[in-house]
Amino acid sequence: MKHIRPTDPGFFIARYAGKAGICCLAALLAALAVGIEGEYLFWWMAGAVCTVLFRTGSTLGRRKIYALILLALASLFVSAAAIAGNHAWLSLGFIFILSFICFFVSSMGVSASTLGIGSLVVSLISISSPTDPAQAVLRSACLLSGGGISFLVNFYLWPFDPERALLSSAKLAVEDMGLFFDSLCIRIKNPRVTDETLGYLSKEAMTSIRRYRSFMESFNIDPLKGSAAKGGPGLFYFALIRLFESIVGLFNNIHFSDNHPEFEAVRDLFHDTAAEVSIGFEAFSRIKAGQYDRPDLDKIFVDIERIQEALLDMGAYRRGDEVRDKFLDAWGAVYELKNVVHGLKDMMVLADERFRLGRS
């Protein structure tokens, strides 16, 4: 999956733009084939452009539904606007009401806002060139025809599910976080792994998470939309951030055993437990055909409790300031390791829901 390594989703955006151009070209060829020309050709192409320009929805199925809703609304508003344009006060009232509706629906989320803006744009174009009711109906028919052809090419002849690109980007983000976490595991027993190296891996993981958000935004999906009660596409993005924050917290406390032999037993337990956690990162990054072997992470909590008991049995918090500080670092590292396990579990559950993953 390294072929989508660029720091921005330019490859997918370029492919998306090319696909939109082909949809419009197919609509244009169909219009020329049936002899559509002049003003009607404009509205034919307006429908095709609306379908690919004002696309929204977090899944392929939702994008189909929203595209149909947009075509239906646009065809109605185009006719109404063309008729209202014959009367000055009626046209002003129509624009005011439609603008108010668009302003209102923008508070309902990105999808509703996109549909509202698309309807407003075609309505403003139509109202600027008023005509009689019969011609207005023909405008709507041309808009529906051009939009319908673009819809068929976009969603049936060349479908492109945004979830595939998002899943690939999510896998890379988890893979980079797993590499960061594995390096921390090595650092526990090998102080020669420098903080500069770990800092670089931390930046790479953060870049991957930002890339995932960039993919969401490029598909017109709100990365901040989501709640525990109602769900939403943003929940998985939040889970990635929480998991990354836990790993960074572990990084900040990983030096607890440096130059302190009394912490060797705890260090060995910590290293073995962290190695088990690494299996979770590895399993998710190997997703194939929508399936993966999810490891049982619940047993790791028992190992973490064993590390905490070993720390308490040492009594290091009673041995002076320096050893007590190391004890606090060790306790913080164990706490963050527990948060990593919780974050990994939550991330996998949300990934199953977000991408409809199965288990092999």
Protein backbone atom coordinates (compact mmCIF):
# COMPACT_ATOMS: atom_id res chain seq x y z
CA MET A 1 0.00 0.00 0.00
CA LYS A 2 3.03 2.32 -0.16
CA HIS A 3 1.81 3.74 -3.46
CA ILE A 4 -0.42 6.26 -1.62
CA ARG A 5 2.41 7.55 0.56
CA PRO A 6 2.30 11.20 -0.63
CA THR A 7 1.61 13.74 2.10
CA ASP A 8 -1.57 14.84 0.33
CA PRO A 9 -4.31 12.79 -1.38
CA GLY A 10 -3.41 14.27 -4.76
CA PHE A 11 -3.52 10.92 -6.55
CA PHE A 12 -7.11 10.29 -5.57
CA ILE A 13 -8.18 13.89 -6.15
CA ALA A 14 -6.70 13.77 -9.67
CA ARG A 15 -8.48 10.49 -10.34
CA TYR A 16 -11.70 11.91 -8.95
CA ALA A 17 -11.41 15.02 -11.15
CA GLY A 18 -10.70 12.89 -14.21
CA LYS A 19 -13.73 10.77 -13.47
CA ALA A 20 -15.90 13.90 -13.19
CA GLY A 21 -14.62 15.08 -16.57
CA ILE A 22 -15.49 11.75 -18.18
CA CYS A 23 -19.01 11.88 -16.69
CA CYS A 24 -19.57 15.34 -18.19
CA LEU A 25 -18.08 14.24 -21.50
CA ALA A 26 -20.45 11.27 -21.66
CA ALA A 27 -23.39 13.61 -21.01
CA LEU A 28 -22.17 15.99 -23.74
CA LEU A 29 -21.81 13.19 -26.32
CA ALA A 30 -25.29 11.93 -25.47
CA ALA A 31 -26.71 15.46 -25.91
CA LEU A 32 -25.04 15.88 -29.31
CA ALA A 33 -26.22 12.44 -30.35
CA VAL A 34 -29.90 13.35 -29.75
CA GLY A 35 -29.53 16.82 -31.24
CA ILE A 36 -29.66 18.99 -28.10
CA GLU A 37 -28.23 22.45 -28.75
CA GLY A 38 -28.33 26.09 -27.67
CA GLU A 39 -29.86 26.97 -24.30
CA TYR A 40 -31.06 23.42 -23.74
CA LEU A 41 -27.52 22.08 -24.14
CA PHE A 42 -26.46 24.47 -21.37
CA TRP A 43 -29.06 23.10 -18.96
CA TRP A 44 -28.27 19.54 -20.04
CA MET A 45 -24.64 20.09 -19.06
CA ALA A 46 -25.66 21.98 -15.92
CA GLY A 47 -27.33 18.80 -14.67
CA ALA A 48 -24.23 16.76 -15.48
CA VAL A 49 -21.96 19.20 -13.68
CA CYS A 50 -24.24 19.39 -10.62
CA THR A 51 -24.09 15.63 -10.20
CA VAL A 52 -20.29 15.51 -10.01
CA LEU A 53 -19.56 18.95 -8.49
CA PHE A 54 -21.94 18.93 -5.52
CA ARG A 55 -21.35 15.33 -4.45
CA THR A 56 -21.46 14.44 -0.80
CA GLY A 57 -21.99 11.47 1.52
CA SER A 58 -19.63 9.24 3.48
CA THR A 59 -20.45 6.01 1.58
CA LEU A 60 -21.17 5.10 -2.04
CA GLY A 61 -24.80 4.34 -1.20
CA ARG A 62 -25.35 7.68 0.49
CA ARG A 63 -23.67 9.52 -2.38
CA LYS A 64 -26.18 7.95 -4.77
CA ILE A 65 -29.11 9.05 -2.60
CA TYR A 66 -27.80 12.59 -2.18
CA ALA A 67 -27.16 12.91 -5.93
CA LEU A 68 -30.75 11.91 -6.69
CA ILE A 69 -32.06 14.36 -4.08
CA LEU A 70 -29.94 17.13 -5.60
CA LEU A 71 -31.23 16.43 -9.12
CA ALA A 72 -34.82 16.42 -7.89
CA LEU A 73 -34.43 19.69 -5.97
CA ALA A 74 -32.49 21.38 -8.76
CA SER A 75 -35.08 20.44 -11.40
CA LEU A 76 -37.90 21.85 -9.27
CA PHE A 77 -36.07 25.06 -8.37
CA VAL A 78 -34.92 25.67 -11.95
CA SER A 79 -38.49 25.72 -13.23
CA ALA A 80 -39.76 27.80 -10.31
CA ALA A 81 -36.90 30.28 -10.64
CA ALA A 82 -37.41 30.67 -14.40
CA ILE A 83 -41.08 31.50 -13.90
CA ALA A 84 -40.44 33.75 -10.87
CA GLY A 85 -37.87 35.69 -12.85
CA ASN A 86 -40.65 37.24 -14.96
CA HIS A 87 -41.76 39.30 -11.96
CA ALA A 88 -39.33 41.51 -10.04
CA TRP A 89 -40.89 41.20 -6.58
CA LEU A 90 -41.56 37.51 -7.00
CA SER A 91 -37.96 36.87 -8.04
CA LEU A 92 -36.63 38.83 -5.04
CA GLY A 93 -38.91 36.89 -2.70
CA PHE A 94 -37.86 33.58 -4.26
CA ILE A 95 -34.15 34.38 -3.85
CA PHE A 96 -34.69 35.51 -0.25
CA ILE A 97 -36.60 32.36 0.73
CA LEU A 98 -34.16 30.05 -1.01
CA SER A 99 -31.15 31.81 0.57
CA PHE A 100 -32.76 31.54 3.99
CA ILE A 101 -33.39 27.82 3.49
CA CYS A 102 -29.76 27.29 2.41
CA PHE A 103 -28.53 29.19 5.47
CA PHE A 104 -30.77 27.09 7.70
CA VAL A 105 -29.81 23.69 6.28
CA SER A 106 -26.08 24.51 6.53
CA SER A 107 -26.43 23.96 10.29
CA MET A 108 -27.56 20.38 9.60
CA GLY A 109 -24.15 19.26 8.34
CA VAL A 110 -21.93 19.19 5.28
CA SER A 111 -24.25 17.04 3.16
CA ALA A 112 -27.31 19.24 3.66
CA SER A 113 -25.22 22.36 3.10
CA THR A 114 -23.82 20.97 -0.17
CA LEU A 115 -27.29 20.12 -1.47
CA GLY A 116 -28.53 23.59 -0.51
CA ILE A 117 -25.65 25.37 -2.23
CA GLY A 118 -26.07 23.28 -5.39
CA SER A 119 -29.79 24.10 -5.55
CA LEU A 120 -29.12 27.78 -4.92
CA VAL A 121 -26.50 28.04 -7.68
CA VAL A 122 -28.69 26.57 -10.44
CA SER A 123 -31.66 28.61 -9.22
CA LEU A 124 -29.72 31.87 -9.45
CA ILE A 125 -28.64 31.00 -12.99
CA SER A 126 -32.20 30.16 -13.97
CA ILE A 127 -33.77 33.23 -12.40
CA SER A 128 -31.39 35.49 -14.32
CA SER A 129 -32.90 34.27 -17.61
CA PRO A 130 -36.70 34.11 -17.06
CA THR A 131 -38.96 32.30 -19.50
CA ASP A 132 -42.50 30.97 -19.83
CA PRO A 133 -43.72 27.87 -17.96
CA ALA A 134 -43.41 25.52 -20.94
CA GLN A 135 -39.79 26.47 -21.55
CA ALA A 136 -39.10 26.23 -17.79
CA VAL A 137 -40.31 22.63 -17.78
CA LEU A 138 -38.05 21.87 -20.74
CA ARG A 139 -35.11 23.29 -18.77
CA SER A 140 -35.86 20.93 -15.92
CA ALA A 141 -36.18 18.00 -18.31
CA CYS A 142 -32.79 18.78 -19.87
CA LEU A 143 -31.20 19.18 -16.45
CA LEU A 144 -32.61 15.83 -15.33
CA SER A 145 -31.48 14.12 -18.55
CA GLY A 146 -27.90 15.41 -18.39
CA GLY A 147 -27.72 14.73 -14.67
CA GLY A 148 -29.14 11.24 -15.17
CA ILE A 149 -26.48 10.28 -17.70
CA SER A 150 -23.74 11.67 -15.48
CA PHE A 151 -25.30 9.77 -12.55
CA LEU A 152 -25.23 6.46 -14.42
CA VAL A 153 -21.59 6.85 -15.45
CA ASN A 154 -20.56 8.09 -12.01
CA PHE A 155 -22.23 5.44 -9.89
CA TYR A 156 -22.73 2.42 -12.14
CA LEU A 157 -20.30 2.39 -15.07
CA TRP A 158 -17.36 3.71 -13.02
CA PRO A 159 -18.23 3.57 -9.32
CA PHE A 160 -15.64 4.79 -6.85
CA ASP A 161 -16.31 4.07 -3.19
CA PRO A 162 -14.70 6.68 -0.92
CA GLU A 163 -14.48 4.08 1.81
CA ARG A 164 -11.82 2.18 -0.14
CA ALA A 165 -9.52 5.19 -0.21
CA LEU A 166 -10.30 6.01 3.41
CA LEU A 167 -9.59 2.45 4.52
CA SER A 168 -6.24 2.46 2.70
CA SER A 169 -5.36 5.75 4.37
CA ALA A 170 -6.51 4.43 7.77
CA LYS A 171 -4.35 1.33 7.35
CA LEU A 172 -1.33 3.54 6.67
CA ALA A 173 -2.06 5.66 9.73
CA VAL A 174 -2.29 2.57 11.96
CA GLU A 175 0.81 1.10 10.30
CA ASP A 176 2.81 4.27 11.05
CA MET A 177 1.55 4.35 14.63
CA GLY A 178 2.47 0.68 14.94
CA LEU A 179 5.98 1.42 13.71
CA PHE A 180 6.24 4.23 16.26
CA PHE A 181 4.99 1.89 19.00
CA ASP A 182 7.36 -0.93 17.97
CA SER A 183 10.28 1.49 18.18
CA LEU A 184 9.19 2.43 21.68
CA CYS A 185 9.19 -1.28 22.58
CA ILE A 186 12.77 -1.54 21.32
CA ARG A 187 13.70 1.63 23.20
CA ILE A 188 12.68 0.04 26.49
CA LYS A 189 15.66 -2.35 26.34
CA ASN A 190 17.89 -0.46 23.95
CA PRO A 191 18.68 3.15 24.96
CA ARG A 192 20.63 3.55 21.70
CA VAL A 193 17.30 4.19 19.98
CA THR A 194 17.46 7.98 20.13
CA ASP A 195 14.70 10.42 20.94
CA GLU A 196 15.35 12.05 17.56
CA THR A 197 14.41 8.79 15.80
CA LEU A 198 11.29 8.39 17.92
CA GLY A 199 10.39 12.03 17.31
CA TYR A 200 10.67 11.49 13.56
CA LEU A 201 8.39 8.43 13.74
CA SER A 202 5.94 10.44 15.82
CA LYS A 203 5.79 13.11 13.12
CA GLU A 204 5.27 10.46 10.44
CA ALA A 205 2.34 8.99 12.38
CA MET A 206 0.82 12.44 12.84
CA THR A 207 1.23 13.14 9.13
CA SER A 208 -0.63 9.91 8.33
CA ILE A 209 -3.52 10.90 10.58
CA ARG A 210 -3.66 14.31 8.91
CA ARG A 211 -3.62 12.54 5.55
CA TYR A 212 -6.66 10.54 6.63
CA ARG A 213 -8.45 13.78 7.48
CA SER A 214 -7.39 15.25 4.12
CA PHE A 215 -8.97 12.28 2.37
CA MET A 216 -12.22 12.84 4.29
CA GLU A 217 -12.28 16.51 3.35
CA SER A 218 -11.45 15.79 -0.30
CA PHE A 219 -14.54 13.56 -0.44
CA ASN A 220 -16.60 16.30 1.22
CA ILE A 221 -16.99 14.27 4.44
CA ASP A 222 -17.02 16.23 7.69
CA PRO A 223 -14.19 14.80 9.88
CA LEU A 224 -15.74 16.33 13.00
CA LYS A 225 -19.20 14.85 12.50
CA GLY A 226 -19.93 12.09 14.96
CA SER A 227 -21.12 11.28 18.47
CA ALA A 228 -21.14 8.19 20.64
CA ALA A 229 -24.95 8.14 20.58
CA LYS A 230 -25.58 8.75 16.86
CA GLY A 231 -22.35 7.51 15.32
CA GLY A 232 -20.85 9.27 12.34
CA PRO A 233 -17.80 9.20 10.06
CA GLY A 234 -15.78 11.36 12.44
CA LEU A 235 -15.74 8.79 15.25
CA PHE A 236 -13.00 6.70 13.66
CA TYR A 237 -10.91 9.84 13.08
CA PHE A 238 -11.29 10.71 16.77
CA ALA A 239 -10.23 7.16 17.68
CA LEU A 240 -7.03 7.52 15.62
CA ILE A 241 -6.19 10.76 17.44
CA ARG A 242 -6.83 9.26 20.88
CA LEU A 243 -4.64 6.26 20.03
CA PHE A 244 -1.84 8.52 18.83
CA GLU A 245 -2.05 10.67 21.98
CA SER A 246 -1.69 7.56 24.14
CA ILE A 247 1.43 6.46 22.24
CA VAL A 248 2.92 9.94 22.60
CA GLY A 249 2.18 9.77 26.34
CA LEU A 250 4.05 6.46 26.44
CA PHE A 251 6.96 8.08 24.60
CA ASN A 252 7.16 10.80 27.26
CA ASN A 253 7.56 8.20 30.04
CA ILE A 254 9.63 5.51 28.31
CA HIS A 255 12.93 6.42 29.97
CA PHE A 256 12.02 5.02 33.39
CA SER A 257 14.56 2.16 33.34
CA ASP A 258 17.58 4.10 32.05
CA ASN A 259 20.59 3.61 34.34
CA HIS A 260 18.45 2.03 37.05
CA PRO A 261 19.04 -1.75 37.33
CA GLU A 262 16.36 -2.06 40.03
CA PHE A 263 13.74 -1.51 37.34
CA GLU A 264 14.97 -4.35 35.13
CA ALA A 265 12.27 -6.82 36.23
CA VAL A 266 9.56 -4.27 35.55
CA ARG A 267 11.23 -3.36 32.27
CA ASP A 268 11.19 -6.99 31.10
CA LEU A 269 7.50 -7.39 32.00
CA PHE A 270 6.71 -4.11 30.25
CA HIS A 271 8.60 -5.13 27.12
CA ASP A 272 6.85 -8.51 26.87
CA THR A 273 3.42 -6.93 27.35
CA ALA A 274 4.11 -4.18 24.80
CA ALA A 275 5.17 -6.84 22.29
CA GLU A 276 1.71 -8.42 22.63
CA VAL A 277 0.10 -5.04 21.96
CA SER A 278 2.14 -4.75 18.75
CA ILE A 279 0.24 -7.73 17.38
CA GLY A 280 -2.91 -5.58 17.30
CA PHE A 281 -1.26 -2.93 15.11
CA GLU A 282 0.12 -5.64 12.85
CA ALA A 283 -3.23 -7.36 12.47
CA PHE A 284 -5.08 -4.19 11.44
CA SER A 285 -2.41 -3.13 8.94
CA ARG A 286 -2.80 -6.53 7.19
CA ILE A 287 -6.47 -6.06 6.33
CA LYS A 288 -7.25 -7.89 3.12
CA ALA A 289 -10.59 -8.09 1.33
CA GLY A 290 -12.35 -6.39 4.24
CA GLN A 291 -11.28 -9.02 6.76
CA TYR A 292 -8.60 -9.33 9.41
CA ASP A 293 -7.71 -11.46 12.42
CA ARG A 294 -8.54 -9.33 15.41
CA PRO A 295 -6.39 -10.37 18.40
CA ASP A 296 -7.82 -10.76 21.87
CA LEU A 297 -6.52 -7.71 23.71
CA ASP A 298 -8.50 -8.26 26.92
CA LYS A 299 -5.89 -10.62 28.38
CA ILE A 300 -3.29 -7.86 28.11
CA PHE A 301 -5.02 -5.94 30.89
CA VAL A 302 -4.14 -8.81 33.25
CA ASP A 303 -0.46 -8.44 32.29
CA ILE A 304 -0.65 -4.69 32.86
CA GLU A 305 -2.05 -5.25 36.35
CA ARG A 306 0.87 -7.61 36.99
CA ILE A 307 3.31 -4.83 36.05
CA GLN A 308 1.55 -2.41 38.41
CA GLU A 309 1.77 -4.93 41.23
CA ALA A 310 5.48 -5.44 40.54
CA LEU A 311 6.03 -1.68 40.72
CA LEU A 312 4.22 -1.43 44.03
CA ASP A 313 6.10 -4.41 45.46
CA MET A 314 9.39 -2.67 44.66
CA GLY A 315 8.51 0.15 47.03
CA ALA A 316 10.46 2.51 44.79
CA TYR A 317 8.25 5.43 45.78
CA ARG A 318 9.82 5.24 49.27
CA ARG A 319 13.50 5.27 48.19
CA GLY A 320 14.31 8.93 47.73
CA ASP A 321 13.59 11.60 45.15
CA GLU A 322 15.47 10.19 42.15
CA VAL A 323 14.10 6.66 42.42
CA ARG A 324 10.65 8.05 43.21
CA ASP A 325 10.74 10.12 40.03
CA LYS A 326 11.64 7.01 38.04
CA PHE A 327 8.78 5.17 39.74
CA LEU A 328 6.38 7.91 38.65
CA ASP A 329 7.72 7.67 35.09
CA ALA A 330 7.25 3.90 35.15
CA TRP A 331 3.73 4.23 36.52
CA GLY A 332 2.94 6.80 33.84
CA ALA A 333 4.31 4.49 31.15
CA VAL A 334 2.14 1.61 32.38
CA TYR A 335 -0.88 3.91 32.50
CA GLU A 336 -0.29 5.06 28.92
CA LEU A 337 0.25 1.46 27.79
CA LYS A 338 -3.17 0.66 29.20
CA ASN A 339 -4.58 3.64 27.29
CA VAL A 340 -2.95 2.35 24.10
CA VAL A 341 -4.69 -1.00 24.52
CA HIS A 342 -8.03 0.74 25.16
CA GLY A 343 -7.46 3.00 22.15
CA LEU A 344 -6.55 0.07 19.91
CA LYS A 345 -9.67 -1.83 20.94
CA ASP A 346 -11.92 1.19 20.37
CA MET A 347 -10.26 1.89 17.03
CA MET A 348 -10.91 -1.68 15.84
CA VAL A 349 -14.56 -1.60 16.92
CA LEU A 350 -15.13 1.72 15.18
CA ALA A 351 -13.28 0.47 12.08
CA ASP A 352 -15.63 -2.53 11.92
CA GLU A 353 -18.60 -0.13 12.00
CA ARG A 354 -17.11 2.56 9.75
CA PHE A 355 -15.83 0.26 6.99
CA ARG A 356 -18.15 -2.73 7.60
CA LEU A 357 -15.20 -5.06 8.15
CA GLY A 358 -15.52 -8.76 8.77
CA ARG A 359 -13.31 -11.17 10.63
CA SER A 360 -11.47 -13.98 8.97
